[in-house]
Protein backbone atom coordinates (compact mmCIF):
# COMPACT_ATOMS: atom_id res chain seq x y z
CA UNK A 1 -34.53 -11.24 -3.79
CA UNK A 2 -31.67 -10.00 -1.76
CA UNK A 3 -29.06 -7.71 -3.18
CA UNK A 4 -26.01 -9.44 -4.44
CA UNK A 5 -22.56 -7.88 -3.65
CA UNK A 6 -19.17 -8.90 -4.88
CA UNK A 7 -16.14 -7.84 -2.82
CA UNK A 8 -13.11 -7.76 -5.01
CA UNK A 9 -10.19 -8.24 -2.51
CA UNK A 10 -6.79 -6.84 -3.55
CA UNK A 11 -4.24 -5.48 -1.08
CA UNK A 12 -6.70 -5.49 1.83
CA UNK A 13 -6.29 -9.07 3.13
CA UNK A 14 -7.48 -8.52 6.70
CA UNK A 15 -10.55 -8.78 8.93
CA UNK A 16 -9.83 -6.08 11.47
CA UNK A 17 -9.79 -2.45 10.45
CA UNK A 18 -11.49 -3.26 7.11
CA UNK A 19 -14.30 -0.75 6.61
CA UNK A 20 -15.70 -2.75 3.74
CA UNK A 21 -16.15 -5.92 5.84
CA UNK A 22 -17.53 -3.84 8.70
CA UNK A 23 -20.21 -2.32 6.37
CA UNK A 24 -21.04 -5.65 4.72
CA UNK A 25 -21.59 -7.32 8.06
CA UNK A 26 -24.43 -4.87 8.63
CA UNK A 27 -26.20 -5.51 5.28
CA UNK A 28 -28.97 -7.87 4.34
CA UNK A 29 -27.38 -9.35 1.13
CA UNK A 30 -25.68 -12.24 -0.49
CA UNK A 31 -21.99 -11.86 -0.62
CA UNK A 32 -19.30 -13.05 -3.08
CA UNK A 33 -15.70 -12.72 -1.70
CA UNK A 34 -13.23 -12.86 -4.60
CA UNK A 35 -9.49 -12.58 -5.10
CA UNK A 36 -8.10 -12.73 -8.62
CA UNK A 37 -4.60 -14.10 -9.43
CA UNK A 38 -3.52 -12.52 -12.61
CA UNK A 39 -1.26 -14.72 -14.73
CA UNK A 40 0.55 -11.68 -15.90
CA UNK A 41 2.12 -11.46 -12.38
CA UNK A 42 4.27 -14.49 -13.29
CA UNK A 43 5.36 -13.37 -16.78
CA UNK A 44 8.21 -11.14 -17.70
CA UNK A 45 7.46 -7.45 -18.12
CA UNK A 46 9.09 -4.69 -20.28
CA UNK A 47 12.09 -4.93 -17.96
CA UNK A 48 12.52 -8.68 -18.25
CA UNK A 49 11.24 -9.14 -14.64
CA UNK A 50 8.16 -10.79 -13.19
CA UNK A 51 5.98 -8.80 -10.97
CA UNK A 52 5.90 -11.71 -8.55
CA UNK A 53 9.00 -13.63 -7.49
CA UNK A 54 8.85 -16.79 -5.40
CA UNK A 55 9.06 -15.06 -1.99
CA UNK A 56 6.33 -12.64 -2.63
CA UNK A 57 4.15 -15.32 -4.18
CA UNK A 58 4.63 -17.56 -1.05
CA UNK A 59 3.71 -14.64 1.27
CA UNK A 60 0.59 -13.92 -0.87
CA UNK A 61 -0.57 -17.54 -0.71
CA UNK A 62 0.02 -17.67 3.03
CA UNK A 63 -2.03 -14.53 3.44
CA UNK A 64 -4.91 -15.87 1.26
CA UNK A 65 -4.85 -19.12 3.17
CA UNK A 66 -5.22 -17.44 6.50
CA UNK A 67 -8.02 -15.14 5.18
CA UNK A 68 -9.75 -18.20 3.64
CA UNK A 69 -9.78 -19.94 7.03
CA UNK A 70 -10.92 -16.78 8.91
CA UNK A 71 -13.89 -15.97 6.68
CA UNK A 72 -14.95 -19.61 6.81
CA UNK A 73 -15.47 -19.14 10.63
CA UNK A 74 -17.67 -16.16 9.76
CA UNK A 75 -19.88 -18.22 7.39
CA UNK A 76 -18.27 -17.00 4.22
CA UNK A 77 -16.21 -18.43 1.36
CA UNK A 78 -13.13 -16.93 -0.32
CA UNK A 79 -13.02 -17.62 -3.99
CA UNK A 80 -9.63 -17.53 -5.66
CA UNK A 81 -9.96 -17.27 -9.47
CA UNK A 82 -7.23 -17.03 -12.08
CA UNK A 83 -7.25 -14.95 -15.13
CA UNK A 84 -7.20 -11.34 -16.44
CA UNK A 85 -9.15 -9.46 -13.79
CA UNK A 86 -11.45 -7.48 -16.07
CA UNK A 87 -12.35 -10.56 -18.10
CA UNK A 88 -13.01 -13.00 -15.24
CA UNK A 89 -14.83 -10.55 -13.04
CA UNK A 90 -17.01 -9.34 -15.90
CA UNK A 91 -17.93 -12.94 -16.55
CA UNK A 92 -18.61 -13.58 -12.86
CA UNK A 93 -20.68 -10.39 -12.46
CA UNK A 94 -22.88 -11.43 -15.31
CA UNK A 95 -23.23 -15.02 -14.34
CA UNK A 96 -24.14 -14.31 -10.72
CA UNK A 97 -26.27 -11.37 -11.45
CA UNK A 98 -24.22 -9.05 -9.15
CA UNK A 99 -25.90 -5.84 -8.26
CA UNK A 100 -22.92 -4.06 -6.55
CA UNK A 101 -19.11 -4.38 -6.56
CA UNK A 102 -17.09 -3.05 -3.61
CA UNK A 103 -13.30 -2.69 -3.61
CA UNK A 104 -10.50 -0.83 -2.05
CA UNK A 105 -9.24 2.15 -3.98
CA UNK A 106 -5.96 1.47 -5.70
CA UNK A 107 -2.82 3.68 -5.73
CA UNK A 108 -1.19 2.38 -8.92
CA UNK A 109 -2.31 3.83 -12.27
CA UNK A 110 -2.46 0.35 -13.94
CA UNK A 111 -4.69 -1.04 -11.15
CA UNK A 112 -6.85 1.99 -11.59
CA UNK A 113 -7.17 1.34 -15.21
CA UNK A 114 -8.29 -2.21 -14.56
CA UNK A 115 -11.10 -0.84 -12.36
CA UNK A 116 -12.12 1.68 -15.01
CA UNK A 117 -12.17 -1.08 -17.69
CA UNK A 118 -14.39 -3.30 -15.47
CA UNK A 119 -16.79 -0.40 -14.83
CA UNK A 120 -17.06 0.26 -18.57
CA UNK A 121 -18.06 -3.39 -19.16
CA UNK A 122 -20.50 -3.58 -16.30
CA UNK A 123 -22.50 -0.34 -16.77
CA UNK A 124 -25.59 -1.48 -14.84
CA UNK A 125 -23.67 -2.49 -11.75
CA UNK A 126 -23.06 -0.10 -8.76
CA UNK A 127 -19.40 0.29 -7.85
CA UNK A 128 -18.34 1.49 -4.43
CA UNK A 129 -14.86 1.99 -3.14
CA UNK A 130 -13.03 2.83 0.13
CA UNK A 131 -9.50 4.11 0.57
CA UNK A 132 -7.89 1.49 2.86
CA UNK A 133 -4.21 1.82 1.98
CA UNK A 134 -3.54 5.31 3.62
CA UNK A 135 -3.50 6.74 7.07
CA UNK A 136 -5.87 9.45 5.96
CA UNK A 137 -8.84 9.95 3.68
CA UNK A 138 -8.31 12.48 0.97
CA UNK A 139 -10.88 14.83 2.58
CA UNK A 140 -8.82 14.83 5.70
CA UNK A 141 -5.70 16.15 4.15
CA UNK A 142 -5.01 19.83 5.14
CA UNK A 143 -4.59 20.79 1.44
CA UNK A 144 -6.17 19.95 -1.93
CA UNK A 145 -4.45 16.94 -3.55
CA UNK A 146 -3.56 19.12 -6.52
CA UNK A 147 -1.54 21.17 -4.09
CA UNK A 148 0.33 18.27 -2.51
CA UNK A 149 3.76 19.60 -1.25
CA UNK A 150 6.47 18.78 -3.67
CA UNK A 151 8.70 17.51 -0.86
CA UNK A 152 8.23 15.26 2.18
CA UNK A 153 9.28 17.77 4.83
CA UNK A 154 6.55 20.41 4.08
CA UNK A 155 4.05 17.54 3.73
CA UNK A 156 4.94 16.12 7.15
CA UNK A 157 4.80 19.55 8.86
CA UNK A 158 1.39 20.30 7.49
CA UNK A 159 0.06 16.81 8.49
CA UNK A 160 1.52 17.07 11.96
CA UNK A 161 0.15 20.62 12.43
CA UNK A 162 -3.33 19.52 11.44
CA UNK A 163 -3.45 16.93 14.35
CA UNK A 164 -5.69 14.59 12.43
CA UNK A 165 -7.28 12.01 14.69
CA UNK A 166 -7.01 8.34 13.83
CA UNK A 167 -9.18 5.40 14.90
CA UNK A 168 -9.16 1.75 14.05
CA UNK A 169 -12.11 -0.59 14.06
CA UNK A 170 -12.03 -4.20 15.40
CA UNK A 171 -14.37 -6.54 13.50
CA UNK A 172 -17.02 -7.61 16.00
CA UNK A 173 -19.74 -9.24 13.99
CA UNK A 174 -20.29 -12.99 14.54
CA UNK A 175 -21.15 -13.61 10.81
CA UNK A 176 -20.85 -12.18 7.44
CA UNK A 177 -23.73 -12.30 4.93
CA UNK A 178 -24.16 -15.69 3.35
CA UNK A 179 -22.10 -16.67 0.29
CA UNK A 180 -23.66 -16.63 -3.19
CA UNK A 181 -21.63 -19.85 -3.95
CA UNK A 182 -21.07 -21.93 -0.91
CA UNK A 183 -18.00 -23.97 -1.93
CA UNK A 184 -14.82 -22.74 -3.47
CA UNK A 185 -13.75 -24.59 -6.64
CA UNK A 186 -10.06 -24.51 -5.71
CA UNK A 187 -9.61 -23.89 -1.96
CA UNK A 188 -6.04 -23.12 -0.93
CA UNK A 189 -4.03 -25.82 0.72
CA UNK A 190 -1.75 -24.66 3.58
CA UNK A 191 1.39 -23.20 1.81
CA UNK A 192 4.99 -23.99 2.73
CA UNK A 193 6.35 -21.93 5.57
CA UNK A 194 9.44 -20.47 3.91
CA UNK A 195 10.78 -17.55 6.02
CA UNK A 196 9.56 -18.44 9.50
CA UNK A 197 9.91 -14.83 10.71
CA UNK A 198 7.95 -13.34 7.79
CA UNK A 199 4.66 -15.48 7.55
CA UNK A 200 1.88 -13.96 5.38
CA UNK A 201 -1.49 -13.39 6.91
CA UNK A 202 -3.61 -11.02 9.04
CA UNK A 203 -3.20 -13.10 12.12
CA UNK A 204 0.46 -13.24 11.71
CA UNK A 205 0.52 -9.50 11.28
CA UNK A 206 -1.35 -8.89 14.50
CA UNK A 207 0.76 -11.30 16.39
CA UNK A 208 3.87 -9.53 15.26
CA UNK A 209 2.37 -6.19 16.14
CA UNK A 210 1.46 -7.38 19.62
CA UNK A 211 4.93 -8.87 20.18
CA UNK A 212 6.80 -5.89 18.87
CA UNK A 213 4.96 -3.29 21.01
CA UNK A 214 5.16 -5.54 24.01
CA UNK A 215 8.96 -5.26 23.90
CA UNK A 216 11.33 -2.43 24.30
CA UNK A 217 12.22 -2.43 20.63
CA UNK A 218 10.19 0.63 19.64
CA UNK A 219 12.17 2.76 22.08
CA UNK A 220 15.38 1.98 20.22
CA UNK A 221 14.12 1.91 16.62
CA UNK A 222 15.86 4.94 15.35
CA UNK A 223 19.21 3.75 16.71
CA UNK A 224 19.02 0.30 15.11
CA UNK A 225 16.89 0.78 11.99
CA UNK A 226 19.91 1.31 9.61
CA UNK A 227 21.62 -1.86 10.66
CA UNK A 228 22.19 -4.22 7.62
CA UNK A 229 21.21 -7.48 9.43
CA UNK A 230 18.94 -8.63 12.25
CA UNK A 231 15.24 -9.13 12.41
CA UNK A 232 14.77 -6.92 15.59
CA UNK A 233 16.58 -3.88 14.15
CA UNK A 234 13.46 -2.47 12.33
CA UNK A 235 9.74 -2.97 12.71
CA UNK A 236 9.34 -5.43 9.83
CA UNK A 237 5.70 -4.41 9.26
CA UNK A 238 6.27 -3.52 5.60
CA UNK A 239 5.47 -6.89 4.15
CA UNK A 240 2.11 -7.16 6.04
CA UNK A 241 1.32 -3.52 5.03
CA UNK A 242 2.01 -4.31 1.38
CA UNK A 243 -0.68 -6.98 1.20
CA UNK A 244 -3.09 -5.17 3.62
CA UNK A 245 -2.80 -7.84 6.29
CA UNK A 246 -2.51 -4.91 8.62
CA UNK A 247 -3.39 -1.18 8.15
CA UNK A 248 -1.08 1.73 8.63
CA UNK A 249 -3.63 3.11 11.03
CA UNK A 250 -3.37 0.01 13.22
CA UNK A 251 0.37 0.50 13.49
CA UNK A 252 0.17 4.28 13.99
CA UNK A 253 -2.34 3.73 16.89
CA UNK A 254 -0.19 0.97 18.35
CA UNK A 255 2.66 3.46 18.55
CA UNK A 256 0.30 5.90 20.28
CA UNK A 257 -0.63 3.18 22.76
CA UNK A 258 3.02 2.29 23.39
CA UNK A 259 3.94 5.99 24.00
CA UNK A 260 1.10 6.27 26.49
CA UNK A 261 2.20 3.30 28.44
CA UNK A 262 6.02 3.44 28.21
CA UNK A 263 6.71 7.03 27.13
CA UNK A 264 7.58 8.69 23.85
CA UNK A 265 11.04 9.32 22.58
CA UNK A 266 12.73 10.06 19.27
CA UNK A 267 12.57 6.40 18.26
CA UNK A 268 8.87 5.92 18.75
CA UNK A 269 8.38 9.26 16.93
CA UNK A 270 10.51 7.81 14.03
CA UNK A 271 8.18 4.91 13.45
CA UNK A 272 5.41 7.52 12.85
CA UNK A 273 7.89 9.43 10.71
CA UNK A 274 8.40 6.46 8.46
CA UNK A 275 4.67 5.84 8.19
CA UNK A 276 4.29 9.40 7.07
CA UNK A 277 6.95 8.81 4.43
CA UNK A 278 4.86 5.91 3.20
CA UNK A 279 1.70 8.13 3.27
CA UNK A 280 3.46 10.84 1.33
CA UNK A 281 4.56 8.40 -1.43
CA UNK A 282 0.89 7.14 -1.66
CA UNK A 283 -0.62 10.51 -2.41
CA UNK A 284 2.42 11.46 -4.61
CA UNK A 285 1.82 8.37 -6.70
CA UNK A 286 -1.92 9.21 -7.05
CA UNK A 287 -0.92 12.72 -8.14
CA UNK A 288 1.74 12.04 -10.73
CA UNK A 289 0.04 8.84 -12.18
CA UNK A 290 2.05 7.37 -15.03
CA UNK A 291 4.96 9.74 -14.33
CA UNK A 292 5.93 7.53 -11.47
CA UNK A 293 7.21 5.05 -13.98
CA UNK A 294 8.79 7.24 -16.61
CA UNK A 295 12.59 7.57 -16.96
CA UNK A 296 12.78 11.27 -16.26
CA UNK A 297 9.87 11.41 -13.76
CA UNK A 298 8.71 15.00 -13.45
CA UNK A 299 12.12 16.41 -14.39
CA UNK A 300 12.74 18.27 -17.64
CA UNK A 301 15.63 16.02 -18.70
CA UNK A 302 16.41 12.31 -18.48
CA UNK A 303 19.23 10.94 -16.23
CA UNK A 304 22.55 10.32 -17.93
CA UNK A 305 22.32 6.49 -17.63
CA UNK A 306 21.59 3.78 -19.99
CA UNK A 307 21.06 -0.01 -19.91
CA UNK A 308 23.83 -2.72 -20.03
CA UNK A 309 22.47 -6.25 -19.78
CA UNK A 310 25.81 -7.52 -18.51
CA UNK A 311 26.09 -4.96 -15.73
CA UNK A 312 22.47 -5.45 -14.79
CA UNK A 313 22.89 -9.14 -14.53
CA UNK A 314 25.89 -8.78 -12.24
CA UNK A 315 23.97 -6.37 -10.01
CA UNK A 316 21.09 -8.77 -9.81
CA UNK A 317 23.29 -11.78 -9.09
CA UNK A 318 25.63 -10.10 -6.62
CA UNK A 319 28.79 -10.41 -8.66
CA UNK A 320 29.76 -6.73 -9.04
CA UNK A 321 33.19 -5.30 -7.96
CA UNK A 322 31.56 -4.13 -4.71
CA UNK A 323 31.39 -6.85 -1.92
CA UNK A 324 28.82 -5.01 0.23
CA UNK A 325 26.51 -4.66 -2.76
CA UNK A 326 27.01 -8.33 -3.58
CA UNK A 327 26.16 -9.36 -0.05
CA UNK A 328 22.99 -7.29 -0.11
CA UNK A 329 21.76 -8.66 -3.43
CA UNK A 330 22.46 -12.17 -2.34
CA UNK A 331 20.42 -11.60 0.89
CA UNK A 332 17.61 -10.19 -1.20
CA UNK A 333 17.60 -13.10 -3.68
CA UNK A 334 17.69 -15.63 -0.79
CA UNK A 335 15.07 -14.11 1.51
CA UNK A 336 12.93 -11.51 -0.35
CA UNK A 337 13.86 -8.83 2.28
CA UNK A 338 16.69 -6.39 2.82
CA UNK A 339 16.97 -3.37 5.24
CA UNK A 340 16.13 0.15 4.25
CA UNK A 341 19.75 1.11 4.31
CA UNK A 342 20.63 -1.84 2.13
CA UNK A 343 18.07 -0.79 -0.44
CA UNK A 344 19.51 2.63 -0.64
CA UNK A 345 23.05 1.39 -1.09
CA UNK A 346 22.32 -1.07 -3.92
CA UNK A 347 20.02 1.46 -5.64
CA UNK A 348 22.72 4.07 -5.57
CA UNK A 349 25.21 1.66 -6.83
CA UNK A 350 23.03 0.76 -9.83
CA UNK A 351 22.41 4.38 -10.70
CA UNK A 352 25.81 5.82 -9.96
CA UNK A 353 28.60 3.18 -10.12
CA UNK A 354 26.92 1.12 -12.80
CA UNK A 355 25.28 3.98 -14.58
CA UNK A 356 22.13 1.93 -15.22
CA UNK A 357 18.55 2.91 -16.01
CA UNK A 358 16.99 3.07 -12.55
CA UNK A 359 13.67 1.51 -13.84
CA UNK A 360 15.35 -1.90 -14.25
CA UNK A 361 16.35 -1.76 -10.55
CA UNK A 362 12.83 -0.81 -9.53
CA UNK A 363 11.42 -3.67 -11.60
CA UNK A 364 13.88 -6.20 -10.02
CA UNK A 365 12.86 -4.99 -6.50
CA UNK A 366 9.17 -5.38 -7.52
CA UNK A 367 10.00 -9.03 -8.38
CA UNK A 368 12.16 -9.92 -5.41
CA UNK A 369 10.80 -7.86 -2.44
CA UNK A 370 8.02 -9.47 -0.29
CA UNK A 371 7.05 -5.98 0.74
CA UNK A 372 6.86 -4.41 -2.75
CA UNK A 373 4.65 -1.41 -2.66
CA UNK A 374 4.03 0.43 -5.88
CA UNK A 375 4.20 3.91 -4.45
CA UNK A 376 7.14 3.48 -2.08
CA UNK A 377 9.19 1.38 -4.39
CA UNK A 378 8.97 3.53 -7.56
CA UNK A 379 8.95 6.73 -5.48
CA UNK A 380 12.08 5.81 -3.66
CA UNK A 381 13.93 4.74 -6.87
CA UNK A 382 13.09 8.03 -8.49
CA UNK A 383 14.31 9.79 -5.37
CA UNK A 384 17.76 7.97 -5.62
CA UNK A 385 17.90 8.61 -9.37
CA UNK A 386 17.28 12.23 -9.01
CA UNK A 387 14.00 12.38 -10.87
CA UNK A 388 11.68 12.26 -7.96
CA UNK A 389 10.89 14.28 -4.88
CA UNK A 390 14.43 14.62 -3.49
CA UNK A 391 15.14 18.42 -3.35
CA UNK A 392 18.86 17.68 -3.60
CA UNK A 393 18.43 15.93 -7.03
CA UNK A 394 19.38 12.37 -6.21
CA UNK A 395 21.58 10.41 -3.78
CA UNK A 396 24.99 8.89 -4.21
CA UNK A 397 26.19 6.65 -1.29
CA UNK A 398 29.95 6.18 -0.99
CA UNK A 399 30.32 2.40 -0.92
CA UNK A 400 33.55 2.38 1.06
CA UNK A 401 32.20 4.72 3.70
CA UNK A 402 29.00 2.70 3.93
CA UNK A 403 30.99 -0.58 4.34
CA UNK A 404 33.14 1.01 7.11
CA UNK A 405 30.15 2.43 8.95
CA UNK A 406 27.74 -0.58 8.65
CA UNK A 407 29.97 -3.60 8.26
CA UNK A 408 33.40 -2.56 9.72
CA UNK A 409 34.44 -6.08 10.51
CA UNK A 410 32.98 -7.65 7.34
CA UNK A 411 30.62 -9.89 9.27
CA UNK A 412 27.65 -9.14 6.95
CA UNK A 413 29.74 -9.56 3.81
CA UNK A 414 31.17 -12.83 5.00
CA UNK A 415 27.59 -14.12 5.98
CA UNK A 416 26.34 -13.49 2.48
CA UNK A 417 29.47 -14.25 0.65
CA UNK A 418 29.84 -10.84 -0.90
CA UNK A 419 33.51 -11.47 -1.82
CA UNK A 420 32.71 -14.61 -3.80
CA UNK A 421 32.26 -14.10 -7.53
CA UNK A 422 33.31 -10.51 -7.02
CA UNK A 423 34.09 -9.52 -10.58
CA UNK A 424 36.54 -6.59 -10.81
CA UNK A 425 35.69 -6.20 -14.56
CA UNK A 426 32.18 -4.83 -15.09
CA UNK A 427 31.96 -5.31 -18.85
CA UNK A 428 33.04 -8.41 -20.65
CA UNK A 429 34.34 -6.99 -23.88
CA UNK A 430 37.05 -8.18 -26.15
CA UNK A 431 38.37 -6.97 -29.54
CA UNK A 432 35.56 -8.54 -31.37
CA UNK A 433 33.05 -6.40 -29.58
CA UNK A 434 34.55 -3.06 -30.75
CA UNK A 435 33.54 -1.54 -34.09
CA UNK A 436 36.19 -1.70 -36.77
C-alpha cells in the first residue's frame, strides 16, 4: 500500500516556488490536499474585531479557487473543509489512515500552537515542515536566532554583508500524486471579482509580477512609494505575499533580474530594503512569541494609553476631527488596502492624538487589510506605539504636516470625503456622564 500524505495548505497558496509541492511531485504516494476554513476567523475576538473582513475573505476565496483549478490540471483535488483545524484534521487523518502530514512552518504563535495540538493528537503520524514564508532559512542567517539584532538596521547590515544567495524553483512536473479522495465535497464556485486590481490567486500574482517588472515603475519606487493614492505608486505585492500566492524570494529574484537588464538604482534597492523589513519582522515574531501581542511588548512599562469605545469607533468609521485620517480610514473600509504612509499616519493618530490602546488598531487592521500579515502588522503597530523595535521609542506623525506634504491641494481628502462627518468633539459626554 502506498504511503498516504496530507498537505495542510495555509499561507502557501501557490504552485511555483513551493518546495513542498516540488518534493511531493517526486514521491510515490497518495496525496490529500487540504485547506481548513476556521469559523473563528469570522467571529469577534478580544478586541471586538473579526480576523477576516469581507475584503480579505474575498481575496482568500479567489486564491483558493485559482489553486483549485490549477491542481485539477495536475491530477489533484483541493479539499476545502470548515471547522476547528485541530478537530477536523485529526478526524481526517484518522479516517483516511494518513501516514504523514506536511505543512509550511507558521510565524504566528497561535498557529504554532494549533500545529503542536494536532501533533499531540496524532502521535503515530510523521509531521514534516518547510519554512516558506521567509527569504532565508534559519540556518542561512549569519547569527543564531537567539542573537537576532534588536533593531532593523544592524539586522539588514549583517544580512547584506553575508551575501546569501537566493534561488526560486518553477514547478515543472506534469502531474502530482493521485488524490486519496477524488472529488471535493464542496468545490469553490468562481468568486466575485471585487477590487479588479487586486485579484487573489497565484496566477494573478505572477501576472502582476511580470507586468510590474516589465515597466519602468521599479526604477521610481522610492520616489512614489509614500504617495497616498494610486495603484502604480508602490509594488502592491503585499496581498499576494500574505496568502503565499507568491514568495518573497520570487520578488527578490525578480528585482535582481530587473537590475541586470535595466540597471540598479536607489529605488530598485529599496524594494529589496522593504523585503528585508518584512524578513526582520518574521524572525522577530518567532523570537518574541506571545510578546508580539502584549500591551507593553518587550518594554518594562506599558504605554500611557487606554481604551475609549467612542474614540475607537470614530477612528474606525473615519469621523475623527482629522480629515486626512478620516479619508484614509474610509479608503481602508471601502477597499481593504491603504498605502504604507497612510498606515503610519492613522496608527500614529490612534496612539498619540486619540490616546488609545494600540492593540485595538492592530486588530482592526487585521480585520480590514487584505494584506494582513501577523508579523508585519503587529510588529509595525508596536513600532509606532513605542513598545517594539523602534530605537527612538515610538513615532508621532504631525497630522498637519502630513496633510501639507502628501495632500497639499486636498485631492485625496475630497476623493474619500474626509471632511464629511468630521466630528470636532472626540468624546460625547454630558453632565449625566460625570460622577457626582
